[in-house]
N, C-alpha and C. Protein backbone atom coordinates (compact mmCIF):
# COMPACT_ATOMS: atom_id res chain seq x y z
N ARG A 1 14.35 -32.40 -9.60
CA ARG A 1 13.80 -32.69 -8.28
C ARG A 1 14.62 -31.94 -7.23
N ALA A 2 13.93 -31.40 -6.23
CA ALA A 2 14.59 -30.65 -5.17
C ALA A 2 15.44 -31.57 -4.30
N ASP A 3 16.53 -31.03 -3.78
CA ASP A 3 17.39 -31.72 -2.83
C ASP A 3 17.85 -33.09 -3.34
N THR A 4 18.35 -33.09 -4.57
CA THR A 4 18.79 -34.33 -5.20
C THR A 4 20.20 -34.14 -5.74
N VAL A 5 21.03 -35.18 -5.61
CA VAL A 5 22.38 -35.15 -6.17
C VAL A 5 22.34 -35.90 -7.50
N TYR A 6 22.90 -35.27 -8.52
CA TYR A 6 22.96 -35.87 -9.84
C TYR A 6 24.43 -36.12 -10.20
N GLN A 7 24.69 -37.23 -10.84
CA GLN A 7 26.02 -37.61 -11.32
C GLN A 7 25.92 -37.71 -12.84
N VAL A 8 26.80 -37.00 -13.55
CA VAL A 8 26.81 -37.03 -15.01
C VAL A 8 28.17 -37.55 -15.47
N THR A 9 28.15 -38.44 -16.45
CA THR A 9 29.39 -38.98 -17.01
C THR A 9 29.33 -38.91 -18.53
N VAL A 10 30.41 -38.38 -19.11
CA VAL A 10 30.59 -38.41 -20.56
C VAL A 10 31.63 -39.50 -20.81
N LYS A 11 31.24 -40.48 -21.55
CA LYS A 11 32.10 -41.66 -21.78
C LYS A 11 33.27 -41.34 -22.72
N ALA A 12 34.38 -41.99 -22.44
CA ALA A 12 35.56 -41.89 -23.31
C ALA A 12 35.17 -42.32 -24.73
N GLY A 13 35.80 -41.73 -25.71
CA GLY A 13 35.52 -42.07 -27.10
C GLY A 13 34.62 -41.06 -27.77
N LEU A 14 34.04 -40.13 -27.02
CA LEU A 14 33.21 -39.09 -27.62
C LEU A 14 34.08 -38.29 -28.59
N GLU A 15 33.60 -38.12 -29.82
CA GLU A 15 34.37 -37.41 -30.84
C GLU A 15 33.89 -35.98 -30.95
N ASP A 16 34.81 -35.10 -31.39
CA ASP A 16 34.42 -33.73 -31.67
C ASP A 16 33.61 -33.70 -32.96
N ALA A 17 33.06 -32.55 -33.32
CA ALA A 17 32.17 -32.43 -34.47
C ALA A 17 32.87 -32.82 -35.77
N ALA A 18 34.16 -32.53 -35.89
CA ALA A 18 34.91 -32.87 -37.12
C ALA A 18 35.44 -34.30 -37.09
N GLN A 19 35.23 -34.99 -35.98
CA GLN A 19 35.69 -36.36 -35.76
C GLN A 19 37.22 -36.48 -35.88
N ASP A 20 37.90 -35.39 -35.46
CA ASP A 20 39.37 -35.39 -35.47
C ASP A 20 39.96 -35.93 -34.17
N THR A 21 39.26 -35.67 -33.05
CA THR A 21 39.79 -36.10 -31.75
C THR A 21 38.69 -36.75 -30.95
N GLN A 22 39.13 -37.51 -29.94
CA GLN A 22 38.19 -38.20 -29.06
C GLN A 22 38.53 -37.90 -27.61
N LEU A 23 37.50 -37.99 -26.77
CA LEU A 23 37.71 -37.90 -25.33
C LEU A 23 38.47 -39.15 -24.91
N VAL A 24 39.63 -38.94 -24.27
CA VAL A 24 40.52 -40.06 -23.95
C VAL A 24 39.98 -40.91 -22.80
N GLU A 25 39.42 -40.27 -21.79
CA GLU A 25 38.89 -41.04 -20.65
C GLU A 25 37.55 -40.46 -20.24
N ASP A 26 36.81 -41.23 -19.48
CA ASP A 26 35.50 -40.76 -19.00
C ASP A 26 35.68 -39.45 -18.23
N PHE A 27 34.69 -38.56 -18.37
CA PHE A 27 34.68 -37.32 -17.59
C PHE A 27 33.39 -37.32 -16.79
N SER A 28 33.51 -37.16 -15.46
CA SER A 28 32.33 -37.18 -14.58
C SER A 28 32.30 -35.95 -13.70
N TRP A 29 31.11 -35.53 -13.39
CA TRP A 29 30.92 -34.48 -12.40
C TRP A 29 29.54 -34.66 -11.76
N SER A 30 29.37 -34.04 -10.62
CA SER A 30 28.09 -34.14 -9.92
C SER A 30 27.65 -32.75 -9.48
N PHE A 31 26.36 -32.63 -9.27
CA PHE A 31 25.79 -31.39 -8.75
C PHE A 31 24.53 -31.74 -7.98
N SER A 32 24.10 -30.82 -7.16
CA SER A 32 22.88 -31.05 -6.40
C SER A 32 21.92 -29.89 -6.61
N THR A 33 20.66 -30.18 -6.48
CA THR A 33 19.63 -29.16 -6.61
C THR A 33 19.26 -28.63 -5.23
N ALA A 34 18.76 -27.41 -5.21
CA ALA A 34 18.39 -26.77 -3.94
C ALA A 34 17.25 -27.51 -3.27
N LYS A 35 17.23 -27.47 -1.96
CA LYS A 35 16.11 -28.02 -1.21
C LYS A 35 14.90 -27.13 -1.44
N ALA A 36 13.72 -27.72 -1.35
CA ALA A 36 12.50 -26.92 -1.46
C ALA A 36 12.52 -25.90 -0.33
N GLY A 37 12.28 -24.65 -0.66
CA GLY A 37 12.37 -23.62 0.37
C GLY A 37 11.70 -22.32 0.00
N ILE A 38 11.74 -21.42 0.95
CA ILE A 38 11.19 -20.08 0.77
C ILE A 38 12.35 -19.16 0.40
N LYS A 39 12.21 -18.48 -0.71
CA LYS A 39 13.24 -17.55 -1.18
C LYS A 39 13.13 -16.22 -0.45
N SER A 40 11.89 -15.70 -0.33
CA SER A 40 11.70 -14.42 0.35
C SER A 40 10.26 -14.28 0.81
N PHE A 41 10.09 -13.33 1.70
CA PHE A 41 8.79 -12.99 2.27
C PHE A 41 8.71 -11.47 2.23
N THR A 42 7.66 -10.92 1.61
CA THR A 42 7.60 -9.48 1.36
C THR A 42 6.27 -8.91 1.84
N LEU A 43 6.34 -7.71 2.43
CA LEU A 43 5.13 -6.98 2.82
C LEU A 43 4.66 -6.14 1.62
N SER A 44 3.43 -5.65 1.70
CA SER A 44 2.86 -4.92 0.56
C SER A 44 3.60 -3.63 0.24
N ASP A 45 4.35 -3.07 1.20
CA ASP A 45 5.12 -1.84 0.93
C ASP A 45 6.50 -2.14 0.35
N GLY A 46 6.79 -3.43 0.09
CA GLY A 46 8.05 -3.81 -0.53
C GLY A 46 9.13 -4.26 0.45
N ARG A 47 8.89 -4.12 1.75
CA ARG A 47 9.91 -4.58 2.71
C ARG A 47 10.04 -6.09 2.62
N GLU A 48 11.28 -6.54 2.44
CA GLU A 48 11.54 -7.96 2.25
C GLU A 48 12.15 -8.56 3.51
N ASN A 49 11.67 -9.74 3.86
CA ASN A 49 12.15 -10.49 5.02
C ASN A 49 12.21 -9.63 6.29
N PRO A 50 11.07 -9.02 6.68
CA PRO A 50 11.07 -8.18 7.88
C PRO A 50 11.41 -9.00 9.12
N GLN A 51 12.01 -8.32 10.09
CA GLN A 51 12.42 -9.01 11.32
C GLN A 51 11.21 -9.54 12.08
N ASN A 52 11.45 -10.57 12.85
CA ASN A 52 10.41 -11.14 13.69
C ASN A 52 10.04 -10.12 14.77
N TYR A 53 8.82 -10.19 15.25
CA TYR A 53 8.29 -9.27 16.27
C TYR A 53 8.26 -7.84 15.74
N PHE A 54 7.89 -7.70 14.49
CA PHE A 54 7.80 -6.42 13.78
C PHE A 54 6.60 -5.64 14.31
N HIS A 55 6.76 -4.34 14.50
CA HIS A 55 5.68 -3.49 15.05
C HIS A 55 5.10 -2.57 13.99
N ASN A 56 3.90 -2.08 14.27
CA ASN A 56 3.20 -1.06 13.47
C ASN A 56 2.83 -1.53 12.07
N VAL A 57 2.43 -2.77 11.95
CA VAL A 57 1.94 -3.29 10.68
C VAL A 57 0.55 -2.70 10.46
N LEU A 58 0.31 -2.24 9.23
CA LEU A 58 -0.98 -1.63 8.90
C LEU A 58 -2.10 -2.67 8.89
N LEU A 59 -3.32 -2.20 9.08
CA LEU A 59 -4.45 -3.10 9.21
C LEU A 59 -4.86 -3.75 7.88
N ASP A 60 -4.46 -3.14 6.76
CA ASP A 60 -4.79 -3.69 5.45
C ASP A 60 -3.59 -4.38 4.79
N GLU A 61 -2.64 -4.82 5.60
CA GLU A 61 -1.41 -5.44 5.09
C GLU A 61 -1.73 -6.73 4.33
N ASN A 62 -0.91 -7.01 3.32
CA ASN A 62 -0.93 -8.32 2.67
C ASN A 62 0.50 -8.80 2.56
N PHE A 63 0.67 -10.06 2.24
CA PHE A 63 1.97 -10.71 2.34
C PHE A 63 2.24 -11.51 1.06
N THR A 64 3.48 -11.49 0.59
CA THR A 64 3.85 -12.28 -0.58
C THR A 64 4.99 -13.20 -0.20
N ILE A 65 4.82 -14.47 -0.50
CA ILE A 65 5.86 -15.47 -0.23
C ILE A 65 6.35 -16.00 -1.57
N THR A 66 7.65 -15.96 -1.76
CA THR A 66 8.26 -16.46 -2.99
C THR A 66 9.06 -17.73 -2.65
N PHE A 67 8.77 -18.79 -3.39
CA PHE A 67 9.40 -20.09 -3.16
C PHE A 67 10.52 -20.33 -4.18
N LEU A 68 11.44 -21.21 -3.82
CA LEU A 68 12.55 -21.57 -4.72
C LEU A 68 12.10 -22.48 -5.86
N GLN A 69 11.02 -23.23 -5.65
CA GLN A 69 10.51 -24.16 -6.66
C GLN A 69 9.01 -23.94 -6.84
N PRO A 70 8.46 -24.40 -7.96
CA PRO A 70 7.00 -24.39 -8.10
C PRO A 70 6.39 -25.25 -6.98
N MET A 71 5.28 -24.77 -6.45
CA MET A 71 4.66 -25.44 -5.31
C MET A 71 3.32 -26.06 -5.67
N GLN A 72 2.93 -27.10 -4.91
CA GLN A 72 1.58 -27.65 -5.00
C GLN A 72 0.68 -26.62 -4.31
N GLN A 73 -0.18 -25.97 -5.07
CA GLN A 73 -0.89 -24.82 -4.54
C GLN A 73 -1.83 -25.15 -3.38
N LYS A 74 -2.69 -26.13 -3.53
CA LYS A 74 -3.65 -26.43 -2.46
C LYS A 74 -2.95 -26.86 -1.19
N GLU A 75 -1.99 -27.77 -1.32
CA GLU A 75 -1.26 -28.26 -0.15
C GLU A 75 -0.51 -27.13 0.54
N THR A 76 0.05 -26.24 -0.25
CA THR A 76 0.77 -25.10 0.32
C THR A 76 -0.19 -24.17 1.04
N GLU A 77 -1.31 -23.85 0.41
CA GLU A 77 -2.32 -22.99 1.06
C GLU A 77 -2.79 -23.60 2.36
N ASP A 78 -2.95 -24.93 2.39
CA ASP A 78 -3.38 -25.61 3.61
C ASP A 78 -2.33 -25.51 4.71
N SER A 79 -1.08 -25.28 4.34
CA SER A 79 0.01 -25.21 5.34
C SER A 79 0.21 -23.80 5.87
N ILE A 80 -0.56 -22.83 5.35
CA ILE A 80 -0.39 -21.42 5.73
C ILE A 80 -1.49 -21.02 6.71
N SER A 81 -1.09 -20.30 7.77
CA SER A 81 -2.09 -19.80 8.72
C SER A 81 -1.70 -18.40 9.20
N LEU A 82 -2.72 -17.64 9.55
CA LEU A 82 -2.56 -16.34 10.20
C LEU A 82 -3.48 -16.36 11.41
N VAL A 83 -2.89 -16.28 12.61
CA VAL A 83 -3.68 -16.35 13.84
C VAL A 83 -3.26 -15.24 14.79
N THR A 84 -4.22 -14.83 15.63
CA THR A 84 -3.92 -13.85 16.68
C THR A 84 -3.29 -14.56 17.87
N SER A 85 -2.83 -13.78 18.83
CA SER A 85 -2.26 -14.38 20.04
C SER A 85 -3.32 -15.12 20.86
N LYS A 86 -4.61 -14.86 20.56
CA LYS A 86 -5.70 -15.59 21.22
C LYS A 86 -6.13 -16.80 20.39
N ASN A 87 -5.31 -17.15 19.40
CA ASN A 87 -5.53 -18.30 18.52
C ASN A 87 -6.77 -18.16 17.65
N GLU A 88 -7.13 -16.90 17.33
CA GLU A 88 -8.24 -16.65 16.41
C GLU A 88 -7.67 -16.64 15.00
N ARG A 89 -8.20 -17.50 14.15
CA ARG A 89 -7.69 -17.66 12.79
C ARG A 89 -8.27 -16.58 11.87
N VAL A 90 -7.43 -16.02 11.01
CA VAL A 90 -7.85 -15.06 10.01
C VAL A 90 -7.79 -15.77 8.65
N GLU A 91 -8.89 -15.75 7.92
CA GLU A 91 -8.91 -16.38 6.60
C GLU A 91 -8.07 -15.56 5.63
N LEU A 92 -7.38 -16.25 4.73
CA LEU A 92 -6.52 -15.61 3.75
C LEU A 92 -6.94 -16.00 2.35
N GLU A 93 -6.97 -15.00 1.46
CA GLU A 93 -7.20 -15.27 0.04
C GLU A 93 -5.82 -15.40 -0.60
N ALA A 94 -5.61 -16.49 -1.33
CA ALA A 94 -4.31 -16.75 -1.95
C ALA A 94 -4.41 -16.56 -3.46
N THR A 95 -3.47 -15.79 -4.01
CA THR A 95 -3.37 -15.60 -5.45
C THR A 95 -1.97 -16.00 -5.89
N TRP A 96 -1.88 -16.94 -6.82
CA TRP A 96 -0.60 -17.48 -7.27
C TRP A 96 -0.17 -16.89 -8.60
N ASN A 97 1.16 -16.80 -8.80
CA ASN A 97 1.65 -16.45 -10.13
C ASN A 97 1.54 -17.70 -11.02
N LYS A 98 1.73 -17.51 -12.31
CA LYS A 98 1.56 -18.60 -13.27
C LYS A 98 2.52 -19.77 -13.02
N ALA A 99 3.74 -19.45 -12.56
CA ALA A 99 4.76 -20.48 -12.34
C ALA A 99 4.57 -21.23 -11.01
N ALA A 100 3.62 -20.80 -10.19
CA ALA A 100 3.35 -21.40 -8.87
C ALA A 100 4.56 -21.27 -7.94
N THR A 101 5.33 -20.20 -8.11
CA THR A 101 6.48 -19.94 -7.23
C THR A 101 6.23 -18.78 -6.28
N GLU A 102 5.11 -18.10 -6.43
CA GLU A 102 4.83 -16.93 -5.59
C GLU A 102 3.35 -16.88 -5.25
N VAL A 103 3.06 -16.69 -3.97
CA VAL A 103 1.68 -16.57 -3.54
C VAL A 103 1.51 -15.26 -2.77
N LYS A 104 0.46 -14.52 -3.13
CA LYS A 104 0.10 -13.29 -2.43
C LYS A 104 -1.06 -13.64 -1.51
N LEU A 105 -0.91 -13.29 -0.23
CA LEU A 105 -1.91 -13.62 0.79
C LEU A 105 -2.59 -12.34 1.25
N ILE A 106 -3.90 -12.29 1.09
CA ILE A 106 -4.68 -11.11 1.49
C ILE A 106 -5.67 -11.54 2.56
N PRO A 107 -5.56 -10.95 3.76
CA PRO A 107 -6.54 -11.28 4.81
C PRO A 107 -7.96 -10.93 4.34
N SER A 108 -8.93 -11.74 4.73
CA SER A 108 -10.32 -11.55 4.32
C SER A 108 -10.98 -10.37 5.01
N GLU A 109 -10.32 -9.85 6.03
CA GLU A 109 -10.85 -8.70 6.78
C GLU A 109 -9.67 -7.86 7.25
N LEU A 110 -9.95 -6.62 7.62
CA LEU A 110 -8.89 -5.78 8.17
C LEU A 110 -8.36 -6.42 9.44
N LEU A 111 -7.08 -6.32 9.66
CA LEU A 111 -6.50 -6.80 10.91
C LEU A 111 -6.95 -5.89 12.05
N ALA A 112 -6.93 -6.39 13.26
CA ALA A 112 -7.38 -5.62 14.43
C ALA A 112 -6.27 -4.71 14.93
N LEU A 113 -6.66 -3.58 15.49
CA LEU A 113 -5.70 -2.65 16.09
C LEU A 113 -4.97 -3.31 17.25
N GLU A 114 -3.72 -2.94 17.42
CA GLU A 114 -2.95 -3.29 18.61
C GLU A 114 -3.04 -4.78 18.95
N THR A 115 -2.79 -5.61 17.94
CA THR A 115 -2.95 -7.06 18.10
C THR A 115 -1.70 -7.79 17.61
N GLN A 116 -1.34 -8.84 18.32
CA GLN A 116 -0.23 -9.69 17.90
C GLN A 116 -0.77 -10.78 17.00
N TYR A 117 -0.09 -10.98 15.87
CA TYR A 117 -0.44 -12.03 14.92
C TYR A 117 0.79 -12.90 14.65
N THR A 118 0.53 -14.12 14.21
CA THR A 118 1.59 -15.00 13.73
C THR A 118 1.18 -15.52 12.36
N LEU A 119 2.05 -15.25 11.39
CA LEU A 119 1.88 -15.80 10.04
C LEU A 119 2.82 -17.00 9.95
N GLU A 120 2.26 -18.16 9.56
CA GLU A 120 3.08 -19.36 9.53
C GLU A 120 2.87 -20.13 8.24
N VAL A 121 3.98 -20.61 7.70
CA VAL A 121 3.98 -21.56 6.59
C VAL A 121 4.69 -22.79 7.14
N SER A 122 3.96 -23.87 7.33
CA SER A 122 4.59 -25.06 7.92
C SER A 122 5.42 -25.78 6.86
N ASN A 123 6.35 -26.58 7.33
CA ASN A 123 7.21 -27.30 6.39
C ASN A 123 6.52 -28.49 5.75
N THR A 124 5.20 -28.59 5.94
CA THR A 124 4.43 -29.63 5.24
C THR A 124 4.06 -29.18 3.83
N ALA A 125 4.25 -27.90 3.52
CA ALA A 125 4.02 -27.43 2.14
C ALA A 125 4.94 -28.21 1.21
N LYS A 126 4.44 -28.54 0.03
CA LYS A 126 5.22 -29.39 -0.89
C LYS A 126 5.42 -28.72 -2.24
N ALA A 127 6.62 -28.93 -2.77
CA ALA A 127 6.92 -28.50 -4.14
C ALA A 127 6.17 -29.41 -5.10
N VAL A 128 6.05 -28.99 -6.35
CA VAL A 128 5.36 -29.80 -7.36
C VAL A 128 5.96 -31.19 -7.46
N ASP A 129 7.27 -31.31 -7.26
CA ASP A 129 7.91 -32.64 -7.35
C ASP A 129 7.72 -33.49 -6.10
N GLY A 130 6.96 -32.98 -5.12
CA GLY A 130 6.67 -33.74 -3.91
C GLY A 130 7.58 -33.49 -2.74
N ALA A 131 8.66 -32.72 -2.94
CA ALA A 131 9.59 -32.44 -1.84
C ALA A 131 8.95 -31.45 -0.86
N ALA A 132 9.04 -31.77 0.42
CA ALA A 132 8.53 -30.88 1.46
C ALA A 132 9.50 -29.72 1.68
N LEU A 133 8.99 -28.60 2.15
CA LEU A 133 9.86 -27.46 2.45
C LEU A 133 10.94 -27.87 3.44
N HIS A 134 12.14 -27.46 3.17
CA HIS A 134 13.26 -27.72 4.08
C HIS A 134 13.01 -27.02 5.42
N GLU A 135 12.48 -25.81 5.34
CA GLU A 135 12.20 -25.02 6.54
C GLU A 135 11.00 -24.13 6.26
N GLY A 136 10.08 -24.06 7.19
CA GLY A 136 8.90 -23.22 7.04
C GLY A 136 9.20 -21.77 7.42
N LEU A 137 8.15 -21.02 7.66
CA LEU A 137 8.25 -19.61 8.05
C LEU A 137 7.33 -19.39 9.24
N ARG A 138 7.82 -18.69 10.23
CA ARG A 138 6.99 -18.28 11.37
C ARG A 138 7.36 -16.84 11.66
N TRP A 139 6.41 -15.92 11.43
CA TRP A 139 6.66 -14.49 11.58
C TRP A 139 5.62 -13.89 12.52
N VAL A 140 6.09 -13.34 13.64
CA VAL A 140 5.23 -12.71 14.63
C VAL A 140 5.30 -11.20 14.40
N PHE A 141 4.12 -10.56 14.40
CA PHE A 141 4.07 -9.12 14.19
C PHE A 141 2.93 -8.49 15.00
N TYR A 142 3.01 -7.17 15.13
CA TYR A 142 2.02 -6.41 15.88
C TYR A 142 1.46 -5.32 14.98
N THR A 143 0.14 -5.17 15.02
CA THR A 143 -0.48 -4.10 14.23
C THR A 143 -0.34 -2.76 14.94
N ILE A 144 -0.70 -1.72 14.20
CA ILE A 144 -0.58 -0.36 14.74
C ILE A 144 -1.43 -0.22 16.00
N PRO A 145 -0.98 0.64 16.93
CA PRO A 145 -1.75 0.83 18.17
C PRO A 145 -3.00 1.67 17.92
N SER A 146 -3.90 1.63 18.89
CA SER A 146 -5.09 2.47 18.85
C SER A 146 -4.67 3.93 18.89
N PRO A 147 -5.47 4.82 18.27
CA PRO A 147 -5.13 6.24 18.34
C PRO A 147 -5.11 6.72 19.79
N GLY A 148 -4.21 7.62 20.10
CA GLY A 148 -4.14 8.15 21.46
C GLY A 148 -3.22 9.34 21.53
N VAL A 149 -3.32 10.08 22.61
CA VAL A 149 -2.46 11.24 22.85
C VAL A 149 -1.22 10.74 23.57
N ILE A 150 -0.04 11.10 23.05
CA ILE A 150 1.19 10.65 23.69
C ILE A 150 1.87 11.77 24.46
N GLY A 151 1.35 12.99 24.37
CA GLY A 151 1.93 14.10 25.12
C GLY A 151 1.27 15.42 24.75
N VAL A 152 1.38 16.39 25.64
CA VAL A 152 0.85 17.73 25.38
C VAL A 152 1.89 18.77 25.78
N SER A 153 1.80 19.93 25.14
CA SER A 153 2.69 21.03 25.49
C SER A 153 1.91 22.32 25.31
N PRO A 154 1.85 23.16 26.29
CA PRO A 154 2.47 23.03 27.60
C PRO A 154 1.79 21.93 28.42
N ALA A 155 2.43 21.53 29.48
CA ALA A 155 1.91 20.48 30.35
C ALA A 155 0.56 20.90 30.92
N ASP A 156 -0.23 19.91 31.29
CA ASP A 156 -1.55 20.15 31.87
C ASP A 156 -1.44 21.08 33.07
N GLY A 157 -2.20 22.17 33.05
CA GLY A 157 -2.21 23.12 34.16
C GLY A 157 -1.10 24.15 34.10
N ALA A 158 -0.16 24.02 33.17
CA ALA A 158 0.96 24.97 33.07
C ALA A 158 0.50 26.21 32.30
N LYS A 159 1.26 27.30 32.44
CA LYS A 159 0.98 28.54 31.73
C LYS A 159 1.99 28.68 30.59
N GLN A 160 1.47 28.85 29.39
CA GLN A 160 2.35 29.01 28.24
C GLN A 160 2.90 30.42 28.24
N THR A 161 4.22 30.55 28.21
CA THR A 161 4.85 31.86 28.27
C THR A 161 5.34 32.34 26.92
N VAL A 162 5.54 31.46 25.98
CA VAL A 162 6.02 31.82 24.66
C VAL A 162 5.07 31.21 23.62
N PHE A 163 4.68 32.05 22.65
CA PHE A 163 3.81 31.54 21.60
C PHE A 163 4.63 30.82 20.55
N THR A 164 4.11 29.70 20.12
CA THR A 164 4.74 28.98 19.01
C THR A 164 3.63 28.39 18.14
N SER A 165 3.83 28.41 16.86
CA SER A 165 2.83 27.84 15.95
C SER A 165 3.21 26.41 15.57
N GLU A 166 4.25 25.89 16.18
CA GLU A 166 4.72 24.54 15.88
C GLU A 166 3.68 23.52 16.33
N LEU A 167 3.41 22.60 15.45
CA LEU A 167 2.49 21.52 15.77
C LEU A 167 3.23 20.21 15.58
N ARG A 168 3.23 19.38 16.61
CA ARG A 168 3.91 18.09 16.53
C ARG A 168 2.93 16.99 16.75
């Protein structure tokens, strides 16, 4: 179970395999399991855990979220959203690995040009053992801008004095 402390005790008197010696006194130790959480978030080009407010995301981008524990798939999918800055929701197709530790999210349509989106996984997502995510994910990003001219050479109305075949 996630986020649980376990105490283990081996009682005194335990004998070795040859029954020559015994454990003189109880031996105890404890350990804890990791909280339910997100291990990583990856873009389709392999970039892992991209910074918030990321720019120039492609319109056909998809997202992979890897969890520390197996997750309840439906509840986790219900906790995931992709919305524009105008609060327009984008439907996502979710594909899980066999272990239920990784979900690939594919938008149902191309993302819009020059648009801010927020991908969110709320902490209401639950691991198979019922533990809620310790911390969700909120990632804001911007898609590529519309095509446009960013400069010309020579300047508008100027006379070119030197020929160059360079194209930028």
